[in-house]
């Protein structure tokens, strides 16, 4: 529906000194990964279809000068090597998120995420900017959570 609906793609990745099973234990757990979202204030699983979640997020306005909130629906699917999430937000904003845990040449793993956002042209600058900032922050939160779990697993095996 170009030029009214625009599409942007963002690719993020981070090397993590953890095993693939340790990383997948976080990445493939929708409750955990959705709650790690730096903007999320509420995550509620649909009782009729457990693949669907309703997420409430803080919505920074004017560079964080004001704050509102928004709700969106998210369909979560565990796939080999990671997870996929489809987000249906207000005003026709859609996100397709592919999260993968890949073997790293340096040892450990690489968390690789591709986010494709579709939004009305007048919302795209704000949507792409907010989404990129949030997912960049979430990248570190996910890596930290994987390392916390790794530390807990190491301590239990000692």
Protein backbone atom coordinates (compact mmCIF):
# COMPACT_ATOMS: atom_id res chain seq x y z
CA UNK A 1 0.00 0.00 0.00
CA UNK A 2 2.98 2.22 -0.63
CA UNK A 3 3.27 5.23 -0.26
CA UNK A 4 0.80 5.15 2.65
CA UNK A 5 2.29 2.16 4.48
CA UNK A 6 6.08 2.10 4.77
CA UNK A 7 8.34 -0.78 5.77
CA UNK A 8 11.63 -0.54 7.67
CA UNK A 9 13.94 -3.29 8.84
CA UNK A 10 16.41 -3.28 11.73
CA UNK A 11 18.96 -6.02 12.42
CA UNK A 12 20.57 -6.33 15.85
CA UNK A 13 23.03 -8.88 17.19
CA UNK A 14 25.17 -9.51 20.24
CA UNK A 15 27.77 -12.13 21.12
CA UNK A 16 27.11 -13.87 24.43
CA UNK A 17 29.40 -16.26 26.28
CA UNK A 18 26.80 -18.93 26.90
CA UNK A 19 25.76 -22.24 25.42
CA UNK A 20 23.00 -22.49 22.87
CA UNK A 21 20.63 -24.30 25.29
CA UNK A 22 21.24 -21.60 27.94
CA UNK A 23 20.43 -18.83 25.45
CA UNK A 24 17.41 -20.66 24.02
CA UNK A 25 15.99 -21.12 27.53
CA UNK A 26 15.49 -17.33 27.58
CA UNK A 27 14.78 -16.60 23.91
CA UNK A 28 12.15 -19.32 23.56
CA UNK A 29 10.29 -18.40 26.76
CA UNK A 30 7.64 -15.83 25.79
CA UNK A 31 6.80 -14.87 29.37
CA UNK A 32 10.42 -14.13 30.13
CA UNK A 33 11.35 -12.36 26.91
CA UNK A 34 8.19 -10.21 26.81
CA UNK A 35 8.69 -9.16 30.44
CA UNK A 36 12.32 -8.22 29.70
CA UNK A 37 10.99 -5.55 27.33
CA UNK A 38 12.20 -2.26 28.79
CA UNK A 39 8.89 -0.51 27.99
CA UNK A 40 6.47 -3.27 29.07
CA UNK A 41 4.31 -2.65 32.12
CA UNK A 42 1.98 -5.63 31.69
CA UNK A 43 2.07 -8.97 29.85
CA UNK A 44 -1.11 -11.07 29.81
CA UNK A 45 -1.41 -14.41 28.05
CA UNK A 46 -4.69 -15.10 26.24
CA UNK A 47 -6.60 -17.84 28.07
CA UNK A 48 -8.26 -19.11 24.88
CA UNK A 49 -5.11 -19.19 22.73
CA UNK A 50 -1.80 -19.38 24.65
CA UNK A 51 0.18 -18.25 21.58
CA UNK A 52 -1.30 -14.75 21.98
CA UNK A 53 -0.32 -12.09 24.51
CA UNK A 54 -1.62 -8.62 25.25
CA UNK A 55 1.24 -6.31 26.18
CA UNK A 56 0.90 -2.85 27.69
CA UNK A 57 3.88 -0.55 27.17
CA UNK A 58 4.97 2.89 28.27
CA UNK A 59 4.89 5.19 25.27
CA UNK A 60 7.44 8.02 25.40
CA UNK A 61 6.23 11.18 23.65
CA UNK A 62 8.34 14.14 22.50
CA UNK A 63 11.62 12.46 23.36
CA UNK A 64 10.37 11.28 26.76
CA UNK A 65 9.05 14.69 27.83
CA UNK A 66 5.62 13.10 28.25
CA UNK A 67 4.55 9.52 28.67
CA UNK A 68 1.44 7.64 27.70
CA UNK A 69 0.72 3.95 27.30
CA UNK A 70 -0.35 1.65 24.52
CA UNK A 71 -1.55 -1.94 24.23
CA UNK A 72 -0.80 -4.37 21.47
CA UNK A 73 -1.39 -8.01 20.65
CA UNK A 74 1.56 -10.30 20.09
CA UNK A 75 1.52 -13.77 18.59
CA UNK A 76 4.50 -15.80 19.82
CA UNK A 77 5.89 -18.88 18.11
CA UNK A 78 8.82 -21.00 19.24
CA UNK A 79 10.88 -22.08 16.21
CA UNK A 80 14.06 -24.08 15.81
CA UNK A 81 16.95 -21.93 16.97
CA UNK A 82 14.79 -19.15 18.43
CA UNK A 83 11.37 -17.56 18.22
CA UNK A 84 9.15 -15.43 15.99
CA UNK A 85 6.77 -12.75 17.19
CA UNK A 86 4.11 -10.89 15.23
CA UNK A 87 2.92 -7.64 16.80
CA UNK A 88 -0.38 -5.95 15.97
CA UNK A 89 -0.44 -2.45 17.43
CA UNK A 90 -2.75 0.53 17.13
CA UNK A 91 -3.01 2.71 14.01
CA UNK A 92 -2.06 -0.14 11.68
CA UNK A 93 1.46 -0.60 13.05
CA UNK A 94 2.76 -4.15 12.54
CA UNK A 95 6.05 -5.74 13.55
CA UNK A 96 7.55 -9.06 12.53
CA UNK A 97 10.35 -10.07 14.88
CA UNK A 98 12.69 -13.00 14.22
CA UNK A 99 14.99 -13.90 17.14
CA UNK A 100 17.67 -16.52 16.60
CA UNK A 101 20.50 -18.01 18.63
CA UNK A 102 23.43 -18.84 16.37
CA UNK A 103 26.73 -20.56 17.08
CA UNK A 104 29.56 -18.03 17.28
CA UNK A 105 33.03 -18.54 15.80
CA UNK A 106 34.56 -16.99 18.94
CA UNK A 107 32.81 -19.49 21.20
CA UNK A 108 29.52 -18.95 22.89
CA UNK A 109 26.57 -17.80 20.79
CA UNK A 110 25.34 -14.83 18.83
CA UNK A 111 21.85 -13.52 19.50
CA UNK A 112 20.55 -12.26 16.15
CA UNK A 113 17.30 -10.32 15.80
CA UNK A 114 15.60 -8.94 12.69
CA UNK A 115 12.63 -6.61 13.20
CA UNK A 116 10.51 -5.53 10.25
CA UNK A 117 8.08 -2.73 11.03
CA UNK A 118 5.18 -1.63 8.82
CA UNK A 119 3.45 1.62 9.70
CA UNK A 120 1.54 4.48 8.10
CA UNK A 121 4.02 6.95 6.57
CA UNK A 122 3.24 9.69 9.10
CA UNK A 123 3.97 7.35 12.05
CA UNK A 124 7.06 5.64 10.62
CA UNK A 125 9.74 8.06 11.92
CA UNK A 126 8.41 7.86 15.49
CA UNK A 127 7.67 4.12 15.34
CA UNK A 128 11.05 3.17 13.85
CA UNK A 129 12.96 5.37 16.30
CA UNK A 130 11.10 4.15 19.40
CA UNK A 131 11.27 0.52 18.29
CA UNK A 132 15.00 0.69 17.54
CA UNK A 133 15.81 2.29 20.92
CA UNK A 134 13.68 -0.24 22.80
CA UNK A 135 15.09 -3.27 20.97
CA UNK A 136 18.67 -2.04 21.41
CA UNK A 137 18.07 -1.71 25.16
CA UNK A 138 16.34 -5.11 25.20
CA UNK A 139 19.36 -6.67 23.50
CA UNK A 140 21.48 -5.95 26.58
CA UNK A 141 18.68 -7.06 28.94
CA UNK A 142 18.35 -10.37 27.10
CA UNK A 143 22.13 -10.94 27.15
CA UNK A 144 22.25 -10.12 30.87
CA UNK A 145 19.39 -12.51 31.61
CA UNK A 146 21.10 -15.31 29.68
CA UNK A 147 24.30 -14.70 31.66
CA UNK A 148 22.33 -14.70 34.95
CA UNK A 149 20.83 -18.06 34.06
CA UNK A 150 24.26 -19.33 33.05
CA UNK A 151 25.65 -18.27 36.42
CA UNK A 152 22.78 -19.98 38.24
CA UNK A 153 23.30 -23.17 36.23
CA UNK A 154 27.06 -23.09 36.86
CA UNK A 155 26.48 -22.62 40.60
CA UNK A 156 24.03 -25.55 40.72
CA UNK A 157 26.51 -27.83 38.91
CA UNK A 158 29.39 -26.94 41.27
